[in-house]
Protein backbone atom coordinates (compact mmCIF):
# COMPACT_ATOMS: atom_id res chain seq x y z
CA MET A 1 -32.32 -102.25 -5.02
CA ASN A 2 -30.84 -103.57 -8.24
CA THR A 3 -33.29 -105.33 -10.53
CA LEU A 4 -32.34 -108.93 -11.37
CA ASN A 5 -35.29 -109.52 -13.69
CA ASN A 6 -38.80 -108.21 -14.19
CA LYS A 7 -40.13 -109.84 -11.01
CA THR A 8 -37.23 -110.38 -8.62
CA LYS A 9 -34.92 -107.80 -7.08
CA LYS A 10 -31.70 -107.99 -5.13
CA CYS A 11 -32.19 -107.61 -1.38
CA LYS A 12 -30.39 -104.91 0.52
CA GLN A 13 -27.93 -106.25 3.07
CA PRO A 14 -29.55 -106.99 6.47
CA THR A 15 -28.98 -104.38 9.17
CA ASP A 16 -26.69 -105.16 12.13
CA ILE A 17 -29.60 -104.49 14.48
CA ASN A 18 -32.64 -106.62 13.66
CA TYR A 19 -35.51 -104.14 13.74
CA CYS A 20 -38.05 -106.82 12.77
CA GLN A 21 -37.41 -109.66 15.20
CA ASP A 22 -36.14 -109.37 18.75
CA LYS A 23 -36.00 -111.81 21.65
CA SER A 24 -39.67 -111.17 22.46
CA SER A 25 -40.80 -112.45 19.05
CA GLY A 26 -42.76 -115.68 18.95
CA GLY A 27 -41.20 -117.23 15.84
CA HIS A 28 -37.85 -118.94 15.35
CA GLN A 29 -35.05 -116.46 16.06
CA GLY A 30 -33.26 -115.36 12.89
CA ALA A 31 -36.14 -116.37 10.62
CA ILE A 32 -36.93 -112.72 9.88
CA LEU A 33 -34.33 -110.03 9.15
CA SER A 34 -34.51 -106.28 8.59
CA ILE A 35 -32.97 -104.51 5.62
CA ASP A 36 -33.91 -101.11 7.02
CA LYS A 37 -36.23 -99.85 9.76
CA LYS A 38 -39.30 -100.10 7.52
CA THR A 39 -38.78 -103.41 5.71
CA CYS A 40 -38.47 -107.04 6.83
CA ILE A 41 -37.41 -110.04 4.79
CA LYS A 42 -38.26 -113.69 5.45
CA LYS A 43 -36.78 -116.72 3.73
CA ILE A 44 -39.19 -118.42 1.35
CA SER A 45 -39.86 -122.03 2.28
CA GLN A 46 -39.79 -124.88 -0.20
CA LEU A 47 -43.59 -124.91 -0.15
CA ASN A 48 -43.67 -121.15 -0.91
CA ASN A 49 -46.97 -120.93 0.96
CA GLU A 50 -46.57 -117.49 2.52
CA ASN A 51 -45.70 -115.84 -0.78
CA LYS A 52 -48.74 -117.49 -2.39
CA PHE A 53 -50.92 -116.27 0.47
CA TYR A 54 -49.86 -112.63 0.06
CA ASN A 55 -50.39 -112.74 -3.70
CA LYS A 56 -53.85 -114.29 -3.41
CA HIS A 57 -54.78 -111.82 -0.67
CA ASN A 58 -53.83 -108.92 -2.95
CA GLU A 59 -55.89 -110.49 -5.75
CA LEU A 60 -58.93 -110.55 -3.48
CA ILE A 61 -58.44 -106.87 -2.69
CA LYS A 62 -58.27 -106.05 -6.42
CA ASN A 63 -61.54 -107.95 -6.84
CA GLY A 64 -63.22 -105.84 -4.17
CA ILE A 65 -62.94 -108.25 -1.22
CA THR A 66 -61.35 -105.92 1.32
CA ILE A 67 -62.44 -107.31 4.71
CA LEU A 68 -58.80 -108.00 5.71
CA LYS A 69 -57.15 -105.17 3.78
CA ASN A 70 -56.22 -103.27 6.95
CA TYR A 71 -55.18 -106.35 8.90
CA ILE A 72 -52.51 -107.92 6.67
CA PRO A 73 -48.97 -106.42 6.43
CA LYS A 74 -48.07 -104.65 3.19
CA TYR A 75 -46.26 -107.06 0.89
CA ASN A 76 -43.34 -105.82 -1.23
CA GLY A 77 -42.61 -108.83 -3.44
CA ILE A 78 -39.56 -111.12 -3.61
CA CYS A 79 -35.87 -110.33 -3.38
CA ILE A 80 -32.71 -112.46 -3.52
CA LEU A 81 -29.82 -112.43 -1.06
CA ASN A 82 -26.87 -114.83 -1.50
CA ASP A 83 -28.90 -116.90 -3.97
CA ILE A 84 -31.72 -117.31 -1.42
CA LYS A 85 -35.20 -115.94 -2.09
CA TYR A 86 -36.98 -113.85 0.53
CA ILE A 87 -40.40 -112.24 0.75
CA GLN A 88 -40.43 -108.56 1.71
CA PHE A 89 -43.07 -106.96 3.91
CA GLU A 90 -43.51 -103.94 6.12
CA ASN A 91 -41.85 -103.82 9.53
CA LEU A 92 -44.72 -103.55 12.00
CA LYS A 93 -42.41 -102.26 14.75
CA GLY A 94 -40.36 -99.77 12.73
CA LEU A 95 -42.27 -96.57 13.52
CA PHE A 96 -42.18 -96.91 17.30
CA ASN A 97 -39.67 -95.38 19.73
CA GLN A 98 -39.97 -98.38 22.08
CA PRO A 99 -41.98 -101.10 20.33
CA LEU A 100 -43.72 -103.40 22.81
CA SER A 101 -45.32 -106.36 21.06
CA ILE A 102 -47.48 -109.33 21.93
CA ASP A 103 -47.76 -112.27 19.52
CA ILE A 104 -51.02 -114.18 20.00
CA LYS A 105 -51.43 -117.39 18.00
CA ILE A 106 -55.09 -117.78 17.09
CA GLY A 107 -56.92 -121.09 16.95
CA TYR A 108 -57.85 -124.15 18.99
CA LYS A 109 -55.43 -126.14 16.80
CA SER A 110 -52.09 -124.92 15.41
CA ALA A 111 -51.59 -127.60 12.74
CA SER A 112 -53.50 -128.96 9.75
CA LYS A 113 -53.09 -132.47 8.41
CA LYS A 114 -53.86 -131.21 4.89
CA ILE A 115 -51.09 -128.62 4.96
CA ILE A 116 -48.55 -130.95 6.59
CA LYS A 117 -49.24 -133.50 3.82
CA ASN A 118 -48.30 -130.81 1.29
CA LYS A 119 -44.90 -130.56 2.96
CA THR A 120 -44.11 -134.26 3.24
CA LYS A 121 -45.55 -137.55 2.01
CA LYS A 122 -43.88 -139.61 4.75
CA ILE A 123 -46.60 -140.92 7.05
CA TYR A 124 -44.43 -141.00 10.17
CA LYS A 125 -43.46 -137.34 9.69
CA ILE A 126 -47.06 -136.29 9.16
CA TYR A 127 -48.28 -137.93 12.35
CA SER A 128 -45.23 -137.01 14.42
CA LYS A 129 -45.91 -133.34 13.61
CA LEU A 130 -49.61 -133.71 14.34
CA ILE A 131 -48.83 -135.34 17.69
CA LYS A 132 -46.28 -132.62 18.51
CA HIS A 133 -48.82 -129.87 17.84
CA TYR A 134 -51.55 -131.76 19.73
CA ILE A 135 -49.32 -131.87 22.83
CA LEU A 136 -48.44 -128.20 22.37
CA ASP A 137 -52.08 -127.14 21.98
CA LYS A 138 -53.51 -129.43 24.66
CA PHE A 139 -50.91 -129.70 27.39
CA MET A 140 -48.20 -127.04 26.92
CA SER A 141 -50.47 -124.05 26.29
CA GLN A 142 -54.08 -122.96 26.61
CA SER A 143 -54.87 -123.07 22.89
CA SER A 144 -57.30 -125.99 23.03
CA ASN A 145 -59.18 -124.40 25.96
CA VAL A 146 -59.47 -120.73 25.07
CA GLY A 147 -58.72 -120.74 21.33
CA PHE A 148 -55.41 -118.87 21.44
CA ARG A 149 -52.05 -118.75 23.16
CA ILE A 150 -49.47 -116.06 23.82
CA GLU A 151 -46.53 -117.05 21.63
CA GLY A 152 -44.23 -114.13 22.37
CA VAL A 153 -44.31 -110.93 24.41
CA SER A 154 -42.20 -107.90 25.28
CA LEU A 155 -41.33 -108.27 28.96
CA PRO A 156 -39.92 -105.78 31.49
CA ASN A 157 -36.11 -105.92 31.62
CA ASN A 158 -36.06 -107.67 35.01
CA ILE A 159 -38.36 -110.51 33.86
CA LYS A 160 -36.74 -113.47 32.07
CA LEU A 161 -39.11 -116.10 30.68
CA SER A 162 -38.60 -118.64 27.92
CA LYS A 163 -41.06 -119.02 25.06
CA PHE A 164 -42.58 -122.10 26.73
CA ASP A 165 -42.76 -120.31 30.10
CA VAL A 166 -44.78 -117.59 28.40
CA MET A 167 -47.14 -120.09 26.75
CA LYS A 168 -47.71 -122.02 29.98
CA SER A 169 -48.06 -119.01 32.30
CA ASN A 170 -51.32 -117.56 33.53
CA ILE A 171 -52.63 -115.25 30.80
CA ASN A 172 -53.39 -112.38 33.20
CA LYS A 173 -49.85 -112.56 34.59
CA ILE A 174 -48.36 -112.18 31.10
CA LEU A 175 -50.76 -109.33 30.34
CA ASP A 176 -49.63 -107.58 33.53
CA TYR A 177 -46.05 -107.75 32.28
CA TYR A 178 -46.95 -106.65 28.77
CA PHE A 179 -49.06 -103.66 29.74
CA THR A 180 -46.62 -102.39 32.39
CA ASN A 181 -45.96 -99.21 30.38
CA ASP A 182 -49.65 -98.69 29.52
CA LYS A 183 -50.31 -96.59 32.60
CA ASN A 184 -53.81 -95.36 31.73
CA ASN A 185 -54.95 -98.54 29.95
CA LYS A 186 -55.13 -96.53 26.74
CA ASN A 187 -53.52 -99.19 24.55
CA LEU A 188 -55.40 -102.03 26.25
CA ASN A 189 -58.66 -100.23 25.48
CA LEU A 190 -57.56 -99.68 21.89
CA PHE A 191 -56.59 -103.35 21.55
CA ILE A 192 -60.09 -104.40 22.64
CA LYS A 193 -61.71 -101.80 20.38
CA ILE A 194 -59.73 -102.94 17.31
CA LEU A 195 -60.45 -106.60 18.12
CA ASN A 196 -64.17 -105.84 18.24
CA GLU A 197 -63.97 -104.09 14.86
CA PHE A 198 -61.99 -107.02 13.47
CA SER A 199 -64.50 -109.51 14.87
CA TYR A 200 -67.34 -107.60 13.19
CA ASN A 201 -65.52 -107.50 9.83
CA ILE A 202 -64.80 -111.23 9.72
CA GLU A 203 -68.49 -112.05 10.10
CA ASP A 204 -68.60 -111.29 6.37
CA SER A 205 -69.16 -114.50 4.37
CA ASN A 206 -66.08 -113.71 2.25
CA PHE A 207 -63.95 -114.50 5.30
CA ASP A 208 -64.73 -118.18 4.60
CA LYS A 209 -62.24 -117.93 1.71
CA TYR A 210 -59.45 -117.63 4.29
CA ARG A 211 -58.22 -120.74 6.10
CA PHE A 212 -55.91 -119.55 8.88
CA VAL A 213 -53.78 -122.21 10.57
CA GLY A 214 -51.00 -121.17 12.95
CA ALA A 215 -51.48 -117.46 12.18
CA SER A 216 -50.98 -114.84 14.88
CA ILE A 217 -52.16 -111.40 15.84
CA LEU A 218 -49.23 -109.04 16.43
CA PHE A 219 -50.22 -106.05 18.54
CA THR A 220 -47.58 -103.37 19.14
CA TYR A 221 -47.70 -100.16 21.13
CA ASP A 222 -45.08 -97.55 21.98
CA GLY A 223 -43.79 -97.86 25.53
CA LEU A 224 -42.47 -94.30 25.53
CA ASN A 225 -45.14 -92.32 23.71
CA GLU A 226 -48.82 -93.09 24.25
CA ASN A 227 -49.77 -90.61 21.51
CA ILE A 228 -48.46 -92.97 18.80
CA ASN A 229 -51.23 -95.21 17.53
CA PRO A 230 -50.67 -98.95 18.14
CA SER A 231 -50.36 -101.50 15.32
CA PHE A 232 -52.66 -104.51 14.89
CA LYS A 233 -51.92 -107.04 12.14
CA LEU A 234 -52.27 -110.73 11.34
CA ILE A 235 -48.93 -112.45 10.67
CA ASP A 236 -47.42 -115.90 9.96
CA PHE A 237 -49.16 -117.37 6.92
CA GLU A 238 -46.90 -120.30 6.08
CA ASN A 239 -49.64 -122.77 7.06
CA SER A 240 -52.62 -120.70 5.93
CA LEU A 241 -54.55 -120.86 2.66
CA ILE A 242 -56.83 -118.71 0.54
CA LEU A 243 -59.42 -120.87 -1.19
CA ASN A 244 -60.82 -120.50 -4.71
CA ASN A 245 -62.98 -123.58 -5.18
CA GLU A 246 -66.59 -123.08 -4.07
CA ASN A 247 -66.77 -126.51 -2.42
CA ASP A 248 -63.56 -125.85 -0.51
CA ILE A 249 -64.92 -122.48 0.64
CA LYS A 250 -68.19 -124.08 1.75
CA ASN A 251 -66.35 -126.83 3.63
CA ASN A 252 -64.13 -124.21 5.28
CA ALA A 253 -67.08 -122.45 6.96
CA LYS A 254 -66.77 -124.57 10.12
CA HIS A 255 -63.05 -123.81 10.41
CA ALA A 256 -63.71 -120.09 9.82
CA ASN A 257 -66.33 -120.11 12.59
CA LYS A 258 -63.78 -121.58 15.00
CA PHE A 259 -61.42 -118.73 14.14
CA ARG A 260 -64.26 -116.25 14.82
CA LYS A 261 -64.91 -118.02 18.12
CA SER A 262 -61.23 -117.72 19.07
CA ILE A 263 -61.30 -113.96 18.47
CA LYS A 264 -64.43 -113.58 20.62
CA SER A 265 -62.75 -115.61 23.36
CA LEU A 266 -59.72 -113.29 23.25
CA ILE A 267 -62.02 -110.24 23.46
CA THR A 268 -63.80 -111.71 26.49
CA ILE A 269 -60.57 -112.47 28.33
CA LEU A 270 -59.07 -109.03 27.61
CA THR A 271 -62.32 -107.28 28.61
CA ASN A 272 -62.49 -109.18 31.90
CA TYR A 273 -58.84 -108.38 32.50
CA LEU A 274 -59.50 -104.67 31.91
CA ASN A 275 -62.56 -104.69 34.18
CA ASN A 276 -60.56 -106.29 36.98
CA LYS A 277 -57.82 -103.68 36.57
CA ASN A 278 -60.40 -100.91 36.82
CA LEU A 279 -61.63 -102.35 40.14
CA LEU A 280 -58.19 -102.07 41.72
C-alpha cells in the first residue's frame, strides 16, 4: 500500500471474488469488500462509529483490559479508495477451504434511541427507525423472545432462503442446515465450548464499559476439513459504544446484563439442540 499521510493509506483494489462477504452474510450485500484473502474493507459511515469503537477497544487492551481481546477482529486502520475512506480488518473466513458461517445478532433489541439520535435530529426519522426495529425484533424474528436472531447462514446448495426467511424460521431447522457438514458434531461442540468461555469472561465488571447494540457473533467452520479450528468473533459495531464516563458505565450495567443473558440463552438453545441430536 502507498502511504498518503502518516495515518491514512491507499487501499488495494478490491478482488473480483469477494472473500469477505458472500450471499450467506447477514449484512447489506456489497457493504464489505476484500482486498486480498486476509483483509476486508468496510466503508466508514458519516458517524464514524465503527472506527471509533475499534480504536477505543485497542486503547482498553493497552490499558490491560483484555476480556474481549480474543473476540474482536484485528483492526488494520484506515485506507482510501476512490476518495472514500474504509476501515480495514481481518477476514474471518480467509483461512478456510470451505468457510461455513452463521451470523447471530445478539440482543433483545437491535436499536438504541441514543445512537439513532446521534445519526439524525429529525424526530420522525428517529421514531420511524425505532418502530422498524421494534417490528423486526418483536414480530419478524425471535430476538425479543430469546435474545438473539440468526441474521445470516451458510446453507446447503439446494436450499434457497431469503434473509427474512432465515430470521423467521425455526431455529433448530436453520441449525440443521448450517451443521450439515459437521458430521460428528465437532464444531457444534466447539461452538458451545467457546460460548461458555466467552460467557465466563464477560462476567468481568469491565465488560460494563462495552455497550453492544446490533452486534453479531460470527462463527465459521471449515466444511471440508474438520481439523481446521473454527473462528468465533464479535462483528458489526456501527451502533455499539465503548464508555469512558463512570456514570455512563454504571448506568450501562443493566444493558450489559441483558447481553450476558442473551449469550446464556444462546448456549441453552444450542446445548438442547446438541442433546436432541445425540438422542437420534
